Amino acid sequence: MTVTQHLLLFAVCAIGAYPTLLASELWTRIGLSEAEHGNAWRVRLCLALHYLAGALSAILLFGGLFEAGRAALAAFGLV
């Protein structure tokens, strides 16, 4: 891969993490609303989706850090 490809992949990872964090917050709010109405099954579903969105965000952030490191190494010709 070239340095440009590493930087593009880094940008995708960095930009993609923010919407997943917003989705995680959205699932939290929906879950709290469902809890007020007593829908236990929907609360558990929203909680699972909250954790899934958080895990996806963490994966994207770590992937972005990895790609930034690879781009730096590739820029110096070490990879």
PDB file of N, CA and C in Angstrom:
ATOM      1  N   MET A   1       0.840  -1.185   0.000  1.00  0.00           N
ATOM      2  CA  MET A   1       0.000   0.000   0.000  1.00  0.00           C
ATOM      3  C   MET A   1       0.883   1.245   0.000  1.00  0.00           C
ATOM      4  N   THR A   2       0.391   2.271  -0.643  1.00  0.00           N
ATOM      5  CA  THR A   2       1.133   3.527  -0.665  1.00  0.00           C
ATOM      6  C   THR A   2       0.768   4.369   0.554  1.00  0.00           C
ATOM      7  N   VAL A   3       1.526   5.422   0.768  1.00  0.00           N
ATOM      8  CA  VAL A   3       1.254   6.329   1.888  1.00  0.00           C
ATOM      9  C   VAL A   3      -0.127   6.959   1.730  1.00  0.00           C
ATOM     10  N   THR A   4      -0.487   7.308   0.510  1.00  0.00           N
ATOM     11  CA  THR A   4      -1.793   7.920   0.259  1.00  0.00           C
ATOM     12  C   THR A   4      -2.925   6.971   0.625  1.00  0.00           C
ATOM     13  N   GLN A   5      -2.785   5.704   0.301  1.00  0.00           N
ATOM     14  CA  GLN A   5      -3.818   4.732   0.648  1.00  0.00           C
ATOM     15  C   GLN A   5      -3.931   4.568   2.158  1.00  0.00           C
ATOM     16  N   HIS A   6      -2.801   4.571   2.862  1.00  0.00           N
ATOM     17  CA  HIS A   6      -2.845   4.497   4.323  1.00  0.00           C
ATOM     18  C   HIS A   6      -3.559   5.717   4.899  1.00  0.00           C
ATOM     19  N   LEU A   7      -3.268   6.893   4.364  1.00  0.00           N
ATOM     20  CA  LEU A   7      -3.905   8.109   4.862  1.00  0.00           C
ATOM     21  C   LEU A   7      -5.398   8.130   4.561  1.00  0.00           C
ATOM     22  N   LEU A   8      -5.805   7.625   3.405  1.00  0.00           N
ATOM     23  CA  LEU A   8      -7.232   7.544   3.094  1.00  0.00           C
ATOM     24  C   LEU A   8      -7.945   6.574   4.027  1.00  0.00           C
ATOM     25  N   LEU A   9      -7.331   5.445   4.307  1.00  0.00           N
ATOM     26  CA  LEU A   9      -7.926   4.491   5.236  1.00  0.00           C
ATOM     27  C   LEU A   9      -7.997   5.073   6.641  1.00  0.00           C
ATOM     28  N   PHE A  10      -6.968   5.824   7.033  1.00  0.00           N
ATOM     29  CA  PHE A  10      -6.989   6.513   8.322  1.00  0.00           C
ATOM     30  C   PHE A  10      -8.154   7.498   8.387  1.00  0.00           C
ATOM     31  N   ALA A  11      -8.362   8.254   7.311  1.00  0.00           N
ATOM     32  CA  ALA A  11      -9.455   9.230   7.283  1.00  0.00           C
ATOM     33  C   ALA A  11     -10.810   8.546   7.400  1.00  0.00           C
ATOM     34  N   VAL A  12     -10.975   7.435   6.723  1.00  0.00           N
ATOM     35  CA  VAL A  12     -12.235   6.690   6.811  1.00  0.00           C
ATOM     36  C   VAL A  12     -12.466   6.208   8.240  1.00  0.00           C
ATOM     37  N   CYS A  13     -11.429   5.688   8.873  1.00  0.00           N
ATOM     38  CA  CYS A  13     -11.556   5.211  10.254  1.00  0.00           C
ATOM     39  C   CYS A  13     -11.866   6.361  11.205  1.00  0.00           C
ATOM     40  N   ALA A  14     -11.180   7.479  11.020  1.00  0.00           N
ATOM     41  CA  ALA A  14     -11.377   8.613  11.917  1.00  0.00           C
ATOM     42  C   ALA A  14     -12.761   9.231  11.746  1.00  0.00           C
ATOM     43  N   ILE A  15     -13.205   9.359  10.502  1.00  0.00           N
ATOM     44  CA  ILE A  15     -14.518   9.952  10.255  1.00  0.00           C
ATOM     45  C   ILE A  15     -15.627   8.982  10.643  1.00  0.00           C
ATOM     46  N   GLY A  16     -15.429   7.697  10.431  1.00  0.00           N
ATOM     47  CA  GLY A  16     -16.459   6.704  10.736  1.00  0.00           C
ATOM     48  C   GLY A  16     -16.697   6.492  12.214  1.00  0.00           C
ATOM     49  N   ALA A  17     -15.728   6.831  13.045  1.00  0.00           N
ATOM     50  CA  ALA A  17     -15.893   6.625  14.484  1.00  0.00           C
ATOM     51  C   ALA A  17     -16.914   7.591  15.079  1.00  0.00           C
ATOM     52  N   TYR A  18     -16.976   8.811  14.571  1.00  0.00           N
ATOM     53  CA  TYR A  18     -17.880   9.808  15.146  1.00  0.00           C
ATOM     54  C   TYR A  18     -19.363   9.435  14.985  1.00  0.00           C
ATOM     55  N   PRO A  19     -19.824   9.038  13.790  1.00  0.00           N
ATOM     56  CA  PRO A  19     -21.235   8.635  13.685  1.00  0.00           C
ATOM     57  C   PRO A  19     -21.588   7.421  14.546  1.00  0.00           C
ATOM     58  N   THR A  20     -20.647   6.515  14.740  1.00  0.00           N
ATOM     59  CA  THR A  20     -20.964   5.369  15.591  1.00  0.00           C
ATOM     60  C   THR A  20     -21.077   5.790  17.048  1.00  0.00           C
ATOM     61  N   LEU A  21     -20.293   6.786  17.470  1.00  0.00           N
ATOM     62  CA  LEU A  21     -20.460   7.315  18.824  1.00  0.00           C
ATOM     63  C   LEU A  21     -21.810   8.008  18.973  1.00  0.00           C
ATOM     64  N   LEU A  22     -22.235   8.721  17.942  1.00  0.00           N
ATOM     65  CA  LEU A  22     -23.555   9.351  17.973  1.00  0.00           C
ATOM     66  C   LEU A  22     -24.662   8.303  18.014  1.00  0.00           C
ATOM     67  N   ALA A  23     -24.485   7.221  17.268  1.00  0.00           N
ATOM     68  CA  ALA A  23     -25.476   6.143  17.287  1.00  0.00           C
ATOM     69  C   ALA A  23     -25.540   5.503  18.667  1.00  0.00           C
ATOM     70  N   SER A  24     -24.399   5.363  19.311  1.00  0.00           N
ATOM     71  CA  SER A  24     -24.367   4.798  20.655  1.00  0.00           C
ATOM     72  C   SER A  24     -25.160   5.674  21.622  1.00  0.00           C
ATOM     73  N   GLU A  25     -24.980   6.986  21.515  1.00  0.00           N
ATOM     74  CA  GLU A  25     -25.733   7.912  22.366  1.00  0.00           C
ATOM     75  C   GLU A  25     -27.224   7.846  22.057  1.00  0.00           C
ATOM     76  N   LEU A  26     -27.561   7.717  20.780  1.00  0.00           N
ATOM     77  CA  LEU A  26     -28.961   7.614  20.379  1.00  0.00           C
ATOM     78  C   LEU A  26     -29.611   6.367  20.969  1.00  0.00           C
ATOM     79  N   TRP A  27     -28.909   5.234  20.921  1.00  0.00           N
ATOM     80  CA  TRP A  27     -29.468   4.004  21.483  1.00  0.00           C
ATOM     81  C   TRP A  27     -29.643   4.121  22.988  1.00  0.00           C
ATOM     82  N   THR A  28     -28.761   4.873  23.648  1.00  0.00           N
ATOM     83  CA  THR A  28     -28.915   5.095  25.084  1.00  0.00           C
ATOM     84  C   THR A  28     -30.186   5.884  25.365  1.00  0.00           C
ATOM     85  N   ARG A  29     -30.402   6.942  24.604  1.00  0.00           N
ATOM     86  CA  ARG A  29     -31.600   7.766  24.813  1.00  0.00           C
ATOM     87  C   ARG A  29     -32.877   6.990  24.518  1.00  0.00           C
ATOM     88  N   ILE A  30     -32.868   6.210  23.448  1.00  0.00           N
ATOM     89  CA  ILE A  30     -34.045   5.405  23.115  1.00  0.00           C
ATOM     90  C   ILE A  30     -34.294   4.372  24.209  1.00  0.00           C
ATOM     91  N   GLY A  31     -33.219   3.759  24.711  1.00  0.00           N
ATOM     92  CA  GLY A  31     -33.361   2.771  25.781  1.00  0.00           C
ATOM     93  C   GLY A  31     -33.940   3.376  27.042  1.00  0.00           C
ATOM     94  N   LEU A  32     -33.515   4.591  27.391  1.00  0.00           N
ATOM     95  CA  LEU A  32     -34.073   5.261  28.567  1.00  0.00           C
ATOM     96  C   LEU A  32     -35.545   5.581  28.367  1.00  0.00           C
ATOM     97  N   SER A  33     -35.908   5.980  27.161  1.00  0.00           N
ATOM     98  CA  SER A  33     -37.310   6.251  26.861  1.00  0.00           C
ATOM     99  C   SER A  33     -38.147   4.979  26.964  1.00  0.00           C
ATOM    100  N   GLU A  34     -37.606   3.881  26.450  1.00  0.00           N
ATOM    101  CA  GLU A  34     -38.332   2.605  26.534  1.00  0.00           C
ATOM    102  C   GLU A  34     -38.433   2.124  27.980  1.00  0.00           C
ATOM    103  N   ALA A  35     -37.415   2.407  28.786  1.00  0.00           N
ATOM    104  CA  ALA A  35     -37.454   1.999  30.192  1.00  0.00           C
ATOM    105  C   ALA A  35     -38.563   2.738  30.933  1.00  0.00           C
ATOM    106  N   GLU A  36     -38.783   4.000  30.571  1.00  0.00           N
ATOM    107  CA  GLU A  36     -39.866   4.763  31.197  1.00  0.00           C
ATOM    108  C   GLU A  36     -41.229   4.164  30.876  1.00  0.00           C
ATOM    109  N   HIS A  37     -41.344   3.539  29.716  1.00  0.00           N
ATOM    110  CA  HIS A  37     -42.615   2.946  29.311  1.00  0.00           C
ATOM    111  C   HIS A  37     -42.729   1.478  29.720  1.00  0.00           C
ATOM    112  N   GLY A  38     -41.691   0.940  30.339  1.00  0.00           N
ATOM    113  CA  GLY A  38     -41.744  -0.418  30.865  1.00  0.00           C
ATOM    114  C   GLY A  38     -41.519  -1.519  29.851  1.00  0.00           C
ATOM    115  N   ASN A  39     -40.870  -1.240  28.748  1.00  0.00           N
ATOM    116  CA  ASN A  39     -40.607  -2.253  27.724  1.00  0.00           C
ATOM    117  C   ASN A  39     -39.235  -2.874  27.963  1.00  0.00           C
ATOM    118  N   ALA A  40     -39.188  -3.913  28.756  1.00  0.00           N
ATOM    119  CA  ALA A  40     -37.905  -4.505  29.151  1.00  0.00           C
ATOM    120  C   ALA A  40     -37.163  -5.114  27.961  1.00  0.00           C
ATOM    121  N   TRP A  41     -37.889  -5.764  27.056  1.00  0.00           N
ATOM    122  CA  TRP A  41     -37.223  -6.395  25.911  1.00  0.00           C
ATOM    123  C   TRP A  41     -36.560  -5.344  25.033  1.00  0.00           C
ATOM    124  N   ARG A  42     -37.247  -4.234  24.795  1.00  0.00           N
ATOM    125  CA  ARG A  42     -36.681  -3.163  23.968  1.00  0.00           C
ATOM    126  C   ARG A  42     -35.508  -2.486  24.665  1.00  0.00           C
ATOM    127  N   VAL A  43     -35.561  -2.395  25.978  1.00  0.00           N
ATOM    128  CA  VAL A  43     -34.437  -1.818  26.725  1.00  0.00           C
ATOM    129  C   VAL A  43     -33.202  -2.687  26.549  1.00  0.00           C
ATOM    130  N   ARG A  44     -33.356  -4.002  26.659  1.00  0.00           N
ATOM    131  CA  ARG A  44     -32.213  -4.905  26.469  1.00  0.00           C
ATOM    132  C   ARG A  44     -31.672  -4.821  25.045  1.00  0.00           C
ATOM    133  N   LEU A  45     -32.569  -4.711  24.065  1.00  0.00           N
ATOM    134  CA  LEU A  45     -32.143  -4.570  22.674  1.00  0.00           C
ATOM    135  C   LEU A  45     -31.366  -3.268  22.474  1.00  0.00           C
ATOM    136  N   CYS A  46     -31.861  -2.178  23.019  1.00  0.00           N
ATOM    137  CA  CYS A  46     -31.172  -0.885  22.892  1.00  0.00           C
ATOM    138  C   CYS A  46     -29.830  -0.915  23.602  1.00  0.00           C
ATOM    139  N   LEU A  47     -29.759  -1.587  24.733  1.00  0.00           N
ATOM    140  CA  LEU A  47     -28.489  -1.693  25.453  1.00  0.00           C
ATOM    141  C   LEU A  47     -27.480  -2.495  24.635  1.00  0.00           C
ATOM    142  N   ALA A  48     -27.935  -3.587  24.016  1.00  0.00           N
ATOM    143  CA  ALA A  48     -27.036  -4.384  23.174  1.00  0.00           C
ATOM    144  C   ALA A  48     -26.549  -3.570  21.974  1.00  0.00           C
ATOM    145  N   LEU A  49     -27.444  -2.804  21.352  1.00  0.00           N
ATOM    146  CA  LEU A  49     -27.046  -1.970  20.218  1.00  0.00           C
ATOM    147  C   LEU A  49     -26.115  -0.843  20.656  1.00  0.00           C
ATOM    148  N   HIS A  50     -26.324  -0.334  21.871  1.00  0.00           N
ATOM    149  CA  HIS A  50     -25.425   0.690  22.423  1.00  0.00           C
ATOM    150  C   HIS A  50     -24.006   0.138  22.544  1.00  0.00           C
ATOM    151  N   TYR A  51     -23.868  -1.049  23.113  1.00  0.00           N
ATOM    152  CA  TYR A  51     -22.539  -1.646  23.266  1.00  0.00           C
ATOM    153  C   TYR A  51     -21.933  -2.029  21.914  1.00  0.00           C
ATOM    154  N   LEU A  52     -22.754  -2.483  20.989  1.00  0.00           N
ATOM    155  CA  LEU A  52     -22.269  -2.830  19.654  1.00  0.00           C
ATOM    156  C   LEU A  52     -21.731  -1.592  18.928  1.00  0.00           C
ATOM    157  N   ALA A  53     -22.456  -0.481  19.015  1.00  0.00           N
ATOM    158  CA  ALA A  53     -21.990   0.758  18.384  1.00  0.00           C
ATOM    159  C   ALA A  53     -20.712   1.253  19.053  1.00  0.00           C
ATOM    160  N   GLY A  54     -20.621   1.111  20.378  1.00  0.00           N
ATOM    161  CA  GLY A  54     -19.397   1.507  21.078  1.00  0.00           C
ATOM    162  C   GLY A  54     -18.210   0.649  20.683  1.00  0.00           C
ATOM    163  N   ALA A  55     -18.438  -0.645  20.529  1.00  0.00           N
ATOM    164  CA  ALA A  55     -17.354  -1.540  20.116  1.00  0.00           C
ATOM    165  C   ALA A  55     -16.902  -1.220  18.693  1.00  0.00           C
ATOM    166  N   LEU A  56     -17.842  -0.952  17.805  1.00  0.00           N
ATOM    167  CA  LEU A  56     -17.487  -0.588  16.434  1.00  0.00           C
ATOM    168  C   LEU A  56     -16.688   0.710  16.407  1.00  0.00           C
ATOM    169  N   SER A  57     -17.087   1.660  17.230  1.00  0.00           N
ATOM    170  CA  SER A  57     -16.350   2.923  17.306  1.00  0.00           C
ATOM    171  C   SER A  57     -14.930   2.703  17.799  1.00  0.00           C
ATOM    172  N   ALA A  58     -14.767   1.858  18.816  1.00  0.00           N
ATOM    173  CA  ALA A  58     -13.422   1.569  19.332  1.00  0.00           C
ATOM    174  C   ALA A  58     -12.566   0.876  18.277  1.00  0.00           C
ATOM    175  N   ILE A  59     -13.159  -0.054  17.539  1.00  0.00           N
ATOM    176  CA  ILE A  59     -12.417  -0.741  16.476  1.00  0.00           C
ATOM    177  C   ILE A  59     -11.971   0.254  15.414  1.00  0.00           C
ATOM    178  N   LEU A  60     -12.859   1.172  15.042  1.00  0.00           N
ATOM    179  CA  LEU A  60     -12.494   2.178  14.045  1.00  0.00           C
ATOM    180  C   LEU A  60     -11.396   3.101  14.557  1.00  0.00           C
ATOM    181  N   LEU A  61     -11.469   3.487  15.827  1.00  0.00           N
ATOM    182  CA  LEU A  61     -10.435   4.365  16.383  1.00  0.00           C
ATOM    183  C   LEU A  61      -9.080   3.670  16.437  1.00  0.00           C
ATOM    184  N   PHE A  62      -9.054   2.429  16.889  1.00  0.00           N
ATOM    185  CA  PHE A  62      -7.786   1.696  16.924  1.00  0.00           C
ATOM    186  C   PHE A  62      -7.261   1.432  15.513  1.00  0.00           C
ATOM    187  N   GLY A  63      -8.160   1.164  14.577  1.00  0.00           N
ATOM    188  CA  GLY A  63      -7.749   0.999  13.184  1.00  0.00           C
ATOM    189  C   GLY A  63      -7.158   2.277  12.620  1.00  0.00           C
ATOM    190  N   GLY A  64      -7.744   3.402  12.990  1.00  0.00           N
ATOM    191  CA  GLY A  64      -7.204   4.686  12.555  1.00  0.00           C
ATOM    192  C   GLY A  64      -5.820   4.948  13.116  1.00  0.00           C
ATOM    193  N   LEU A  65      -5.621   4.620  14.387  1.00  0.00           N
ATOM    194  CA  LEU A  65      -4.288   4.776  14.984  1.00  0.00           C
ATOM    195  C   LEU A  65      -3.272   3.868  14.301  1.00  0.00           C
ATOM    196  N   PHE A  66      -3.677   2.646  14.023  1.00  0.00           N
ATOM    197  CA  PHE A  66      -2.791   1.706  13.342  1.00  0.00           C
ATOM    198  C   PHE A  66      -2.409   2.232  11.961  1.00  0.00           C
ATOM    199  N   GLU A  67      -3.401   2.725  11.229  1.00  0.00           N
ATOM    200  CA  GLU A  67      -3.127   3.232   9.881  1.00  0.00           C
ATOM    201  C   GLU A  67      -2.278   4.495   9.917  1.00  0.00           C
ATOM    202  N   ALA A  68      -2.455   5.332  10.929  1.00  0.00           N
ATOM    203  CA  ALA A  68      -1.606   6.524  11.045  1.00  0.00           C
ATOM    204  C   ALA A  68      -0.156   6.115  11.275  1.00  0.00           C
ATOM    205  N   GLY A  69       0.049   5.110  12.098  1.00  0.00           N
ATOM    206  CA  GLY A  69       1.403   4.603  12.327  1.00  0.00           C
ATOM    207  C   GLY A  69       1.998   3.993  11.080  1.00  0.00           C
ATOM    208  N   ARG A  70       1.190   3.224  10.359  1.00  0.00           N
ATOM    209  CA  ARG A  70       1.682   2.618   9.120  1.00  0.00           C
ATOM    210  C   ARG A  70       2.015   3.682   8.077  1.00  0.00           C
ATOM    211  N   ALA A  71       1.205   4.744   8.016  1.00  0.00           N
ATOM    212  CA  ALA A  71       1.484   5.821   7.061  1.00  0.00           C
ATOM    213  C   ALA A  71       2.786   6.528   7.416  1.00  0.00           C
ATOM    214  N   ALA A  72       3.021   6.742   8.710  1.00  0.00           N
ATOM    215  CA  ALA A  72       4.266   7.389   9.131  1.00  0.00           C
ATOM    216  C   ALA A  72       5.465   6.513   8.790  1.00  0.00           C
ATOM    217  N   LEU A  73       5.356   5.224   9.049  1.00  0.00           N
ATOM    218  CA  LEU A  73       6.457   4.318   8.718  1.00  0.00           C
ATOM    219  C   LEU A  73       6.680   4.234   7.211  1.00  0.00           C
ATOM    220  N   ALA A  74       5.578   4.212   6.453  1.00  0.00           N
ATOM    221  CA  ALA A  74       5.704   4.139   4.997  1.00  0.00           C
ATOM    222  C   ALA A  74       6.309   5.424   4.430  1.00  0.00           C
ATOM    223  N   ALA A  75       6.019   6.551   5.066  1.00  0.00           N
ATOM    224  CA  ALA A  75       6.577   7.818   4.588  1.00  0.00           C
ATOM    225  C   ALA A  75       8.098   7.839   4.726  1.00  0.00           C
ATOM    226  N   PHE A  76       8.596   7.167   5.747  1.00  0.00           N
ATOM    227  CA  PHE A  76      10.046   7.104   5.951  1.00  0.00           C
ATOM    228  C   PHE A  76      10.672   5.886   5.271  1.00  0.00           C
ATOM    229  N   GLY A  77       9.859   5.097   4.588  1.00  0.00           N
ATOM    230  CA  GLY A  77      10.368   3.937   3.864  1.00  0.00           C
ATOM    231  C   GLY A  77      10.693   2.753   4.748  1.00  0.00           C
ATOM    232  N   LEU A  78      10.095   2.689   5.924  1.00  0.00           N
ATOM    233  CA  LEU A  78      10.384   1.596   6.853  1.00  0.00           C
ATOM    234  C   LEU A  78       9.434   0.419   6.696  1.00  0.00           C
ATOM    235  N   VAL A  79       8.399   0.563   5.907  1.00  0.00           N
ATOM    236  CA  VAL A  79       7.441  -0.532   5.703  1.00  0.00           C
ATOM    237  C   VAL A  79       7.458  -0.936   4.256  1.00  0.00           C
TER     238      VAL A  79
END
